[in-house]
C-alpha atoms as a PDB file:
ATOM      1  CA  UNK A   1     124.999 136.526  56.484  1.00  0.00           C
ATOM      2  CA  UNK A   2     121.531 134.890  56.534  1.00  0.00           C
ATOM      3  CA  UNK A   3     122.241 132.347  59.255  1.00  0.00           C
ATOM      4  CA  UNK A   4     120.596 132.843  62.640  1.00  0.00           C
ATOM      5  CA  UNK A   5     122.755 133.651  65.654  1.00  0.00           C
ATOM      6  CA  UNK A   6     122.429 130.856  68.201  1.00  0.00           C
ATOM      7  CA  UNK A   7     125.994 130.010  69.260  1.00  0.00           C
ATOM      8  CA  UNK A   8     127.907 132.909  70.796  1.00  0.00           C
ATOM      9  CA  UNK A   9     131.548 132.988  71.839  1.00  0.00           C
ATOM     10  CA  UNK A  10     132.447 135.269  74.731  1.00  0.00           C
ATOM     11  CA  UNK A  11     136.140 136.043  75.173  1.00  0.00           C
ATOM     12  CA  UNK A  12     136.845 137.557  78.580  1.00  0.00           C
ATOM     13  CA  UNK A  13     134.604 137.060  81.624  1.00  0.00           C
ATOM     14  CA  UNK A  14     135.093 140.104  83.803  1.00  0.00           C
ATOM     15  CA  UNK A  15     132.105 142.185  84.885  1.00  0.00           C
ATOM     16  CA  UNK A  16     131.091 143.082  81.304  1.00  0.00           C
ATOM     17  CA  UNK A  17     131.793 139.671  79.781  1.00  0.00           C
ATOM     18  CA  UNK A  18     129.847 137.972  82.561  1.00  0.00           C
ATOM     19  CA  UNK A  19     126.965 140.396  82.042  1.00  0.00           C
ATOM     20  CA  UNK A  20     126.853 139.508  78.345  1.00  0.00           C
ATOM     21  CA  UNK A  21     126.913 135.785  79.122  1.00  0.00           C
ATOM     22  CA  UNK A  22     123.955 136.114  81.494  1.00  0.00           C
ATOM     23  CA  UNK A  23     121.926 138.115  78.951  1.00  0.00           C
ATOM     24  CA  UNK A  24     122.719 135.579  76.207  1.00  0.00           C
ATOM     25  CA  UNK A  25     121.800 132.634  78.437  1.00  0.00           C
ATOM     26  CA  UNK A  26     118.453 134.118  79.440  1.00  0.00           C
ATOM     27  CA  UNK A  27     117.745 134.690  75.740  1.00  0.00           C
ATOM     28  CA  UNK A  28     118.223 130.955  75.157  1.00  0.00           C
ATOM     29  CA  UNK A  29     121.557 131.198  73.347  1.00  0.00           C
ATOM     30  CA  UNK A  30     124.381 128.677  73.635  1.00  0.00           C
ATOM     31  CA  UNK A  31     127.498 130.369  74.978  1.00  0.00           C
ATOM     32  CA  UNK A  32     131.107 129.264  74.494  1.00  0.00           C
ATOM     33  CA  UNK A  33     133.390 130.959  77.010  1.00  0.00           C
ATOM     34  CA  UNK A  34     137.123 131.560  77.184  1.00  0.00           C
ATOM     35  CA  UNK A  35     139.104 133.455  79.801  1.00  0.00           C
ATOM     36  CA  UNK A  36     142.797 132.858  80.507  1.00  0.00           C
ATOM     37  CA  UNK A  37     142.215 133.341  84.244  1.00  0.00           C
ATOM     38  CA  UNK A  38     140.719 130.213  85.786  1.00  0.00           C
ATOM     39  CA  UNK A  39     139.368 132.171  88.787  1.00  0.00           C
ATOM     40  CA  UNK A  40     136.926 133.928  86.472  1.00  0.00           C
ATOM     41  CA  UNK A  41     134.965 130.692  86.062  1.00  0.00           C
ATOM     42  CA  UNK A  42     134.057 130.796  89.752  1.00  0.00           C
ATOM     43  CA  UNK A  43     133.121 134.482  89.507  1.00  0.00           C
ATOM     44  CA  UNK A  44     130.857 133.779  86.526  1.00  0.00           C
ATOM     45  CA  UNK A  45     129.053 130.849  88.176  1.00  0.00           C
ATOM     46  CA  UNK A  46     128.551 132.836  91.378  1.00  0.00           C
ATOM     47  CA  UNK A  47     127.124 135.785  89.419  1.00  0.00           C
ATOM     48  CA  UNK A  48     124.703 133.521  87.562  1.00  0.00           C
ATOM     49  CA  UNK A  49     123.515 132.124  90.902  1.00  0.00           C
ATOM     50  CA  UNK A  50     123.132 135.631  92.337  1.00  0.00           C
ATOM     51  CA  UNK A  51     121.080 137.089  89.478  1.00  0.00           C
ATOM     52  CA  UNK A  52     118.854 134.080  88.676  1.00  0.00           C
ATOM     53  CA  UNK A  53     116.181 134.905  91.295  1.00  0.00           C
ATOM     54  CA  UNK A  54     116.164 138.525  90.094  1.00  0.00           C
ATOM     55  CA  UNK A  55     115.996 137.758  86.375  1.00  0.00           C
ATOM     56  CA  UNK A  56     113.357 135.081  86.863  1.00  0.00           C
ATOM     57  CA  UNK A  57     111.019 138.027  87.485  1.00  0.00           C
ATOM     58  CA  UNK A  58     111.328 139.149  83.859  1.00  0.00           C
ATOM     59  CA  UNK A  59     112.259 135.991  81.939  1.00  0.00           C
ATOM     60  CA  UNK A  60     109.690 133.202  81.804  1.00  0.00           C
ATOM     61  CA  UNK A  61     112.018 130.493  80.532  1.00  0.00           C
ATOM     62  CA  UNK A  62     114.708 129.137  82.830  1.00  0.00           C
ATOM     63  CA  UNK A  63     118.298 128.658  81.728  1.00  0.00           C
ATOM     64  CA  UNK A  64     119.939 125.252  81.423  1.00  0.00           C
ATOM     65  CA  UNK A  65     123.649 125.653  82.153  1.00  0.00           C
ATOM     66  CA  UNK A  66     124.519 122.050  81.277  1.00  0.00           C
ATOM     67  CA  UNK A  67     123.137 122.554  77.760  1.00  0.00           C
ATOM     68  CA  UNK A  68     123.771 126.255  77.151  1.00  0.00           C
ATOM     69  CA  UNK A  69     127.168 127.006  78.696  1.00  0.00           C
ATOM     70  CA  UNK A  70     130.552 125.581  77.765  1.00  0.00           C
ATOM     71  CA  UNK A  71     133.959 126.611  79.108  1.00  0.00           C
ATOM     72  CA  UNK A  72     136.721 126.376  76.511  1.00  0.00           C
ATOM     73  CA  UNK A  73     140.482 126.016  76.920  1.00  0.00           C
ATOM     74  CA  UNK A  74     141.484 128.382  74.101  1.00  0.00           C
ATOM     75  CA  UNK A  75     140.242 131.229  71.934  1.00  0.00           C
ATOM     76  CA  UNK A  76     140.253 128.863  68.972  1.00  0.00           C
ATOM     77  CA  UNK A  77     137.986 126.349  70.684  1.00  0.00           C
ATOM     78  CA  UNK A  78     135.572 129.079  71.749  1.00  0.00           C
ATOM     79  CA  UNK A  79     135.234 130.918  68.443  1.00  0.00           C
ATOM     80  CA  UNK A  80     135.625 128.325  65.675  1.00  0.00           C
ATOM     81  CA  UNK A  81     131.934 127.370  65.545  1.00  0.00           C
ATOM     82  CA  UNK A  82     130.409 130.592  66.856  1.00  0.00           C
ATOM     83  CA  UNK A  83     127.786 132.643  65.004  1.00  0.00           C
ATOM     84  CA  UNK A  84     128.861 135.845  66.781  1.00  0.00           C
ATOM     85  CA  UNK A  85     131.847 136.705  68.963  1.00  0.00           C
ATOM     86  CA  UNK A  86     131.754 139.151  71.872  1.00  0.00           C
ATOM     87  CA  UNK A  87     135.243 140.267  72.939  1.00  0.00           C
ATOM     88  CA  UNK A  88     135.694 141.721  76.442  1.00  0.00           C
ATOM     89  CA  UNK A  89     139.437 142.029  77.032  1.00  0.00           C
ATOM     90  CA  UNK A  90     140.792 144.814  79.278  1.00  0.00           C
ATOM     91  CA  UNK A  91     140.673 148.334  77.796  1.00  0.00           C
ATOM     92  CA  UNK A  92     144.169 148.134  76.334  1.00  0.00           C
ATOM     93  CA  UNK A  93     144.467 148.907  72.623  1.00  0.00           C
ATOM     94  CA  UNK A  94     147.484 146.726  71.822  1.00  0.00           C
ATOM     95  CA  UNK A  95     145.998 143.787  73.753  1.00  0.00           C
ATOM     96  CA  UNK A  96     142.660 144.099  71.979  1.00  0.00           C
ATOM     97  CA  UNK A  97     144.363 144.286  68.569  1.00  0.00           C
ATOM     98  CA  UNK A  98     146.247 141.083  69.382  1.00  0.00           C
ATOM     99  CA  UNK A  99     143.160 139.241  70.641  1.00  0.00           C
ATOM    100  CA  UNK A 100     140.960 140.376  67.742  1.00  0.00           C
ATOM    101  CA  UNK A 101     143.649 139.161  65.323  1.00  0.00           C
ATOM    102  CA  UNK A 102     143.651 135.712  66.966  1.00  0.00           C
ATOM    103  CA  UNK A 103     139.855 135.600  67.010  1.00  0.00           C
ATOM    104  CA  UNK A 104     139.666 136.499  63.316  1.00  0.00           C
ATOM    105  CA  UNK A 105     142.204 133.805  62.408  1.00  0.00           C
ATOM    106  CA  UNK A 106     140.051 131.088  63.980  1.00  0.00           C
ATOM    107  CA  UNK A 107     136.469 132.268  63.471  1.00  0.00           C
ATOM    108  CA  UNK A 108     134.155 131.626  60.552  1.00  0.00           C
ATOM    109  CA  UNK A 109     134.703 134.145  57.743  1.00  0.00           C
ATOM    110  CA  UNK A 110     131.523 136.201  57.722  1.00  0.00           C
ATOM    111  CA  UNK A 111     130.360 136.420  61.313  1.00  0.00           C
ATOM    112  CA  UNK A 112     130.244 139.530  63.482  1.00  0.00           C
ATOM    113  CA  UNK A 113     133.195 140.156  65.753  1.00  0.00           C
ATOM    114  CA  UNK A 114     131.939 142.629  68.357  1.00  0.00           C
ATOM    115  CA  UNK A 115     134.247 144.358  70.807  1.00  0.00           C
ATOM    116  CA  UNK A 116     132.804 145.624  74.092  1.00  0.00           C
ATOM    117  CA  UNK A 117     135.380 148.422  74.227  1.00  0.00           C
ATOM    118  CA  UNK A 118     134.126 151.455  76.128  1.00  0.00           C
ATOM    119  CA  UNK A 119     136.031 154.074  74.158  1.00  0.00           C
ATOM    120  CA  UNK A 120     138.703 152.777  71.766  1.00  0.00           C
ATOM    121  CA  UNK A 121     138.391 153.455  68.048  1.00  0.00           C
ATOM    122  CA  UNK A 122     137.243 150.401  66.061  1.00  0.00           C
ATOM    123  CA  UNK A 123     139.529 151.394  63.162  1.00  0.00           C
ATOM    124  CA  UNK A 124     142.510 150.838  65.452  1.00  0.00           C
ATOM    125  CA  UNK A 125     141.156 147.576  66.896  1.00  0.00           C
ATOM    126  CA  UNK A 126     140.442 146.144  63.424  1.00  0.00           C
ATOM    127  CA  UNK A 127     143.914 147.031  62.086  1.00  0.00           C
ATOM    128  CA  UNK A 128     145.167 143.416  62.143  1.00  0.00           C
ATOM    129  CA  UNK A 129     141.807 141.680  61.886  1.00  0.00           C
ATOM    130  CA  UNK A 130     141.345 139.222  59.033  1.00  0.00           C
ATOM    131  CA  UNK A 131     138.304 140.377  57.065  1.00  0.00           C
ATOM    132  CA  UNK A 132     138.033 143.614  59.115  1.00  0.00           C
ATOM    133  CA  UNK A 133     134.687 144.610  57.554  1.00  0.00           C
ATOM    134  CA  UNK A 134     132.934 142.404  60.169  1.00  0.00           C
ATOM    135  CA  UNK A 135     134.521 144.102  63.210  1.00  0.00           C
ATOM    136  CA  UNK A 136     132.250 146.454  65.135  1.00  0.00           C
ATOM    137  CA  UNK A 137     132.046 147.981  68.589  1.00  0.00           C
ATOM    138  CA  UNK A 138     129.062 146.801  70.644  1.00  0.00           C
ATOM    139  CA  UNK A 139     129.475 148.829  73.818  1.00  0.00           C
ATOM    140  CA  UNK A 140     127.053 147.835  76.615  1.00  0.00           C
ATOM    141  CA  UNK A 141     126.457 149.203  80.099  1.00  0.00           C
ATOM    142  CA  UNK A 142     126.801 147.503  83.458  1.00  0.00           C
ATOM    143  CA  UNK A 143     124.841 145.434  84.390  1.00  0.00           C
ATOM    144  CA  UNK A 144     124.615 144.186  80.810  1.00  0.00           C
ATOM    145  CA  UNK A 145     121.917 141.635  81.670  1.00  0.00           C
ATOM    146  CA  UNK A 146     119.544 144.472  82.696  1.00  0.00           C
ATOM    147  CA  UNK A 147     120.540 147.767  81.075  1.00  0.00           C
ATOM    148  CA  UNK A 148     119.269 147.758  77.486  1.00  0.00           C
ATOM    149  CA  UNK A 149     121.598 150.291  75.847  1.00  0.00           C
ATOM    150  CA  UNK A 150     124.264 149.086  73.418  1.00  0.00           C
ATOM    151  CA  UNK A 151     126.229 151.504  71.238  1.00  0.00           C
ATOM    152  CA  UNK A 152     127.131 150.115  67.811  1.00  0.00           C
ATOM    153  CA  UNK A 153     130.158 151.820  66.305  1.00  0.00           C
ATOM    154  CA  UNK A 154     131.585 151.074  62.841  1.00  0.00           C
ATOM    155  CA  UNK A 155     135.255 151.361  62.000  1.00  0.00           C
ATOM    156  CA  UNK A 156     136.563 152.766  58.724  1.00  0.00           C
ATOM    157  CA  UNK A 157     136.677 149.269  57.235  1.00  0.00           C
ATOM    158  CA  UNK A 158     133.359 148.044  58.666  1.00  0.00           C
ATOM    159  CA  UNK A 159     130.715 146.993  56.142  1.00  0.00           C
ATOM    160  CA  UNK A 160     127.241 148.403  56.868  1.00  0.00           C
ATOM    161  CA  UNK A 161     125.693 144.963  56.449  1.00  0.00           C
ATOM    162  CA  UNK A 162     127.392 143.812  59.662  1.00  0.00           C
ATOM    163  CA  UNK A 163     126.106 146.851  61.550  1.00  0.00           C
ATOM    164  CA  UNK A 164     122.588 146.093  60.274  1.00  0.00           C
ATOM    165  CA  UNK A 165     122.814 142.466  61.330  1.00  0.00           C
ATOM    166  CA  UNK A 166     124.196 143.444  64.744  1.00  0.00           C
ATOM    167  CA  UNK A 167     121.397 145.998  65.141  1.00  0.00           C
ATOM    168  CA  UNK A 168     118.816 143.281  64.518  1.00  0.00           C
ATOM    169  CA  UNK A 169     120.503 140.717  66.778  1.00  0.00           C
ATOM    170  CA  UNK A 170     120.928 142.983  69.815  1.00  0.00           C
ATOM    171  CA  UNK A 171     117.387 144.332  69.381  1.00  0.00           C
ATOM    172  CA  UNK A 172     116.070 140.764  69.364  1.00  0.00           C
ATOM    173  CA  UNK A 173     117.668 140.070  72.757  1.00  0.00           C
ATOM    174  CA  UNK A 174     115.927 143.050  74.317  1.00  0.00           C
ATOM    175  CA  UNK A 175     118.473 145.823  73.835  1.00  0.00           C
ATOM    176  CA  UNK A 176     118.133 149.459  72.771  1.00  0.00           C
ATOM    177  CA  UNK A 177     120.642 149.974  69.972  1.00  0.00           C
ATOM    178  CA  UNK A 178     122.289 153.303  69.197  1.00  0.00           C
ATOM    179  CA  UNK A 179     124.134 153.226  65.869  1.00  0.00           C
ATOM    180  CA  UNK A 180     126.790 155.926  65.622  1.00  0.00           C
ATOM    181  CA  UNK A 181     127.148 157.617  62.247  1.00  0.00           C
ATOM    182  CA  UNK A 182     130.934 157.352  62.532  1.00  0.00           C
ATOM    183  CA  UNK A 183     133.548 156.417  65.107  1.00  0.00           C
ATOM    184  CA  UNK A 184     134.238 158.785  67.979  1.00  0.00           C
ATOM    185  CA  UNK A 185     136.605 158.230  70.954  1.00  0.00           C
ATOM    186  CA  UNK A 186     134.529 157.381  74.019  1.00  0.00           C
ATOM    187  CA  UNK A 187     131.387 157.024  71.831  1.00  0.00           C
ATOM    188  CA  UNK A 188     128.278 158.775  73.254  1.00  0.00           C
ATOM    189  CA  UNK A 189     127.275 157.818  76.792  1.00  0.00           C
ATOM    190  CA  UNK A 190     130.796 157.433  78.142  1.00  0.00           C
ATOM    191  CA  UNK A 191     131.727 160.913  76.933  1.00  0.00           C
ATOM    192  CA  UNK A 192     128.764 162.294  78.866  1.00  0.00           C
ATOM    193  CA  UNK A 193     129.576 160.186  81.936  1.00  0.00           C
ATOM    194  CA  UNK A 194     133.234 161.154  81.758  1.00  0.00           C
ATOM    195  CA  UNK A 195     132.486 164.890  81.793  1.00  0.00           C
ATOM    196  CA  UNK A 196     130.436 164.496  84.985  1.00  0.00           C
ATOM    197  CA  UNK A 197     133.051 162.197  86.525  1.00  0.00           C
ATOM    198  CA  UNK A 198     135.839 164.711  85.899  1.00  0.00           C
ATOM    199  CA  UNK A 199     133.838 167.571  87.370  1.00  0.00           C
ATOM    200  CA  UNK A 200     132.993 165.427  90.414  1.00  0.00           C
ATOM    201  CA  UNK A 201     136.669 164.659  90.996  1.00  0.00           C
ATOM    202  CA  UNK A 202     137.502 168.380  90.995  1.00  0.00           C
ATOM    203  CA  UNK A 203     134.735 169.126  93.520  1.00  0.00           C
ATOM    204  CA  UNK A 204     135.941 166.331  95.837  1.00  0.00           C
ATOM    205  CA  UNK A 205     139.583 167.298  95.410  1.00  0.00           C
ATOM    206  CA  UNK A 206     138.906 170.914  96.338  1.00  0.00           C
ATOM    207  CA  UNK A 207     136.862 169.989  99.403  1.00  0.00           C
ATOM    208  CA  UNK A 208     133.472 171.360  98.387  1.00  0.00           C
ATOM    209  CA  UNK A 209     131.460 168.177  98.945  1.00  0.00           C
ATOM    210  CA  UNK A 210     131.573 164.483  99.853  1.00  0.00           C
ATOM    211  CA  UNK A 211     130.947 161.566  97.502  1.00  0.00           C
ATOM    212  CA  UNK A 212     127.542 161.173  99.197  1.00  0.00           C
ATOM    213  CA  UNK A 213     126.687 164.834  98.531  1.00  0.00           C
ATOM    214  CA  UNK A 214     127.493 164.505  94.840  1.00  0.00           C
ATOM    215  CA  UNK A 215     125.568 161.258  94.417  1.00  0.00           C
ATOM    216  CA  UNK A 216     122.572 162.808  96.191  1.00  0.00           C
ATOM    217  CA  UNK A 217     122.848 165.817  93.878  1.00  0.00           C
ATOM    218  CA  UNK A 218     122.143 163.477  90.944  1.00  0.00           C
ATOM    219  CA  UNK A 219     119.846 160.860  92.515  1.00  0.00           C
ATOM    220  CA  UNK A 220     117.363 163.383  93.971  1.00  0.00           C
ATOM    221  CA  UNK A 221     117.683 166.004  91.252  1.00  0.00           C
ATOM    222  CA  UNK A 222     118.488 165.754  87.542  1.00  0.00           C
ATOM    223  CA  UNK A 223     118.910 161.985  87.656  1.00  0.00           C
ATOM    224  CA  UNK A 224     115.168 161.517  88.207  1.00  0.00           C
ATOM    225  CA  UNK A 225     114.398 163.584  85.114  1.00  0.00           C
ATOM    226  CA  UNK A 226     117.178 162.101  83.011  1.00  0.00           C
ATOM    227  CA  UNK A 227     115.874 158.558  83.463  1.00  0.00           C
ATOM    228  CA  UNK A 228     112.815 159.566  81.436  1.00  0.00           C
ATOM    229  CA  UNK A 229     113.822 162.517  79.261  1.00  0.00           C
ATOM    230  CA  UNK A 230     117.576 162.869  79.029  1.00  0.00           C
ATOM    231  CA  UNK A 231     119.310 166.237  78.811  1.00  0.00           C
ATOM    232  CA  UNK A 232     117.759 167.900  75.765  1.00  0.00           C
ATOM    233  CA  UNK A 233     114.082 167.205  76.439  1.00  0.00           C
ATOM    234  CA  UNK A 234     114.614 168.225  80.078  1.00  0.00           C
ATOM    235  CA  UNK A 235     116.030 171.583  78.958  1.00  0.00           C
ATOM    236  CA  UNK A 236     113.225 171.905  76.400  1.00  0.00           C
ATOM    237  CA  UNK A 237     110.781 171.877  79.334  1.00  0.00           C
ATOM    238  CA  UNK A 238     112.967 174.368  81.205  1.00  0.00           C
ATOM    239  CA  UNK A 239     112.085 176.935  78.518  1.00  0.00           C
ATOM    240  CA  UNK A 240     108.417 176.941  79.508  1.00  0.00           C
ATOM    241  CA  UNK A 241     105.790 177.292  76.772  1.00  0.00           C
ATOM    242  CA  UNK A 242     108.430 178.461  74.269  1.00  0.00           C
ATOM    243  CA  UNK A 243     110.557 175.389  74.878  1.00  0.00           C
ATOM    244  CA  UNK A 244     114.196 175.087  73.891  1.00  0.00           C
ATOM    245  CA  UNK A 245     114.273 178.409  72.016  1.00  0.00           C
ATOM    246  CA  UNK A 246     113.555 180.351  75.215  1.00  0.00           C
ATOM    247  CA  UNK A 247     115.819 178.101  77.286  1.00  0.00           C
ATOM    248  CA  UNK A 248     118.783 178.902  75.022  1.00  0.00           C
ATOM    249  CA  UNK A 249     118.005 182.608  75.122  1.00  0.00           C
ATOM    250  CA  UNK A 250     117.621 182.612  78.912  1.00  0.00           C
ATOM    251  CA  UNK A 251     120.450 180.313  79.953  1.00  0.00           C
ATOM    252  CA  UNK A 252     122.757 180.400  76.921  1.00  0.00           C
ATOM    253  CA  UNK A 253     124.942 183.187  78.404  1.00  0.00           C
ATOM    254  CA  UNK A 254     125.726 180.908  81.370  1.00  0.00           C
ATOM    255  CA  UNK A 255     127.844 178.771  79.016  1.00  0.00           C
ATOM    256  CA  UNK A 256     130.465 181.518  79.218  1.00  0.00           C
ATOM    257  CA  UNK A 257     130.638 181.349  83.011  1.00  0.00           C
ATOM    258  CA  UNK A 258     133.537 179.364  84.549  1.00  0.00           C
ATOM    259  CA  UNK A 259     131.313 176.728  86.138  1.00  0.00           C
ATOM    260  CA  UNK A 260     133.084 173.636  84.849  1.00  0.00           C
ATOM    261  CA  UNK A 261     136.667 172.532  84.371  1.00  0.00           C
ATOM    262  CA  UNK A 262     136.265 169.332  82.269  1.00  0.00           C
ATOM    263  CA  UNK A 263     140.018 168.718  82.185  1.00  0.00           C
ATOM    264  CA  UNK A 264     140.652 165.796  84.517  1.00  0.00           C
ATOM    265  CA  UNK A 265     142.481 166.405  87.803  1.00  0.00           C
ATOM    266  CA  UNK A 266     145.535 164.356  88.747  1.00  0.00           C
ATOM    267  CA  UNK A 267     144.516 161.250  90.678  1.00  0.00           C
ATOM    268  CA  UNK A 268     146.786 161.885  93.656  1.00  0.00           C
ATOM    269  CA  UNK A 269     146.906 159.493  96.607  1.00  0.00           C
ATOM    270  CA  UNK A 270     145.041 162.102  98.637  1.00  0.00           C
ATOM    271  CA  UNK A 271     142.204 162.306  96.087  1.00  0.00           C
ATOM    272  CA  UNK A 272     142.012 158.518  95.790  1.00  0.00           C
ATOM    273  CA  UNK A 273     141.743 158.243  99.577  1.00  0.00           C
ATOM    274  CA  UNK A 274     138.873 160.755  99.711  1.00  0.00           C
ATOM    275  CA  UNK A 275     136.932 158.875  97.023  1.00  0.00           C
ATOM    276  CA  UNK A 276     137.550 155.397  98.465  1.00  0.00           C
ATOM    277  CA  UNK A 277     136.724 156.425 102.036  1.00  0.00           C
ATOM    278  CA  UNK A 278     133.676 158.358 100.856  1.00  0.00           C
ATOM    279  CA  UNK A 279     132.193 155.393  99.011  1.00  0.00           C
ATOM    280  CA  UNK A 280     132.910 153.090 101.963  1.00  0.00           C
ATOM    281  CA  UNK A 281     130.857 155.385 104.190  1.00  0.00           C
ATOM    282  CA  UNK A 282     128.074 155.548 101.590  1.00  0.00           C
ATOM    283  CA  UNK A 283     127.844 151.764 101.263  1.00  0.00           C
ATOM    284  CA  UNK A 284     127.208 151.387 105.039  1.00  0.00           C
ATOM    285  CA  UNK A 285     129.261 148.185 105.174  1.00  0.00           C
ATOM    286  CA  UNK A 286     126.971 146.447 102.659  1.00  0.00           C
ATOM    287  CA  UNK A 287     128.685 143.792 100.537  1.00  0.00           C
ATOM    288  CA  UNK A 288     129.140 144.280  96.790  1.00  0.00           C
ATOM    289  CA  UNK A 289     126.588 141.501  96.188  1.00  0.00           C
ATOM    290  CA  UNK A 290     124.078 143.200  98.479  1.00  0.00           C
ATOM    291  CA  UNK A 291     124.527 146.524  96.673  1.00  0.00           C
ATOM    292  CA  UNK A 292     124.290 144.807  93.267  1.00  0.00           C
ATOM    293  CA  UNK A 293     121.028 143.063  94.231  1.00  0.00           C
ATOM    294  CA  UNK A 294     119.573 146.397  95.376  1.00  0.00           C
ATOM    295  CA  UNK A 295     120.621 148.019  92.101  1.00  0.00           C
ATOM    296  CA  UNK A 296     119.284 145.192  89.938  1.00  0.00           C
ATOM    297  CA  UNK A 297     115.856 145.091  91.575  1.00  0.00           C
ATOM    298  CA  UNK A 298     115.625 148.878  91.254  1.00  0.00           C
ATOM    299  CA  UNK A 299     116.547 148.726  87.552  1.00  0.00           C
ATOM    300  CA  UNK A 300     113.789 146.190  86.885  1.00  0.00           C
ATOM    301  CA  UNK A 301     111.240 148.441  88.584  1.00  0.00           C
ATOM    302  CA  UNK A 302     112.403 151.665  86.921  1.00  0.00           C
ATOM    303  CA  UNK A 303     112.353 150.090  83.451  1.00  0.00           C
ATOM    304  CA  UNK A 304     108.726 149.110  84.054  1.00  0.00           C
ATOM    305  CA  UNK A 305     108.022 152.771  84.829  1.00  0.00           C
ATOM    306  CA  UNK A 306     109.963 153.897  81.759  1.00  0.00           C
ATOM    307  CA  UNK A 307     107.868 151.580  79.593  1.00  0.00           C
ATOM    308  CA  UNK A 308     104.673 152.933  81.159  1.00  0.00           C
ATOM    309  CA  UNK A 309     105.524 156.575  80.381  1.00  0.00           C
ATOM    310  CA  UNK A 310     107.138 156.045  76.968  1.00  0.00           C
ATOM    311  CA  UNK A 311     105.638 157.829  73.970  1.00  0.00           C
END
């Protein structure tokens, strides 16, 4: 467990896997990549080209793809010499169990196997893993190469030493680690996001607002506060000089009002159409790459502000 982590295997190169690869590359790691879909190689290379000018603003050292990046033809080839493995298969429990099993059969004995699952229980994913004490969840947020948060979740068989080593590693590559005390479906941030997503779907479905209206309701309102303070500190301020105690006394009764539904609506074709058409209108015919560049530059600027006002 004392060896440094320099060679990283990434299994799966969708949006999240690609984001991890870019973060690892810009932190001067060597990355061994496997994805069964050959088209993903083109997607990855194109994404690296797209983000390089943006990330050059915050990283002084340039990446060297010929030295740092290797595409492998199998899971075995990718993981056998890796110091850490980042798995990014689709969010399908049985598929992840199968892939983690294969990874564990071919990887070195005492290295971290980290799954990027966004909600599955690590105890289930590690059920067929050889030496399951090294399996953890390391759940990032898109775009992984810019957003610092990573949730570290232990399974029932996970040894704390692997969580500690993962905590140190992800911190060293510029991430904000949140270590959960115990496993929880959906972890932390996704449970919060999911509650808002479900409520938004109900509002759209019942014709109260457009997708633009709901996004504006966050972007120009609570979203501005949340980016600095989150929910609890924001409500602490809402209580005035008496803080949270007064806030709970004043607004606590509202918890009994039927303002939210939380249970997800059925994704009917009609609801899907409203959401898809709404977001098309919002995007104003901008390409996905154009929107991603706008988002990425904004995230760099807002993190500078967050650092300035941190205490």
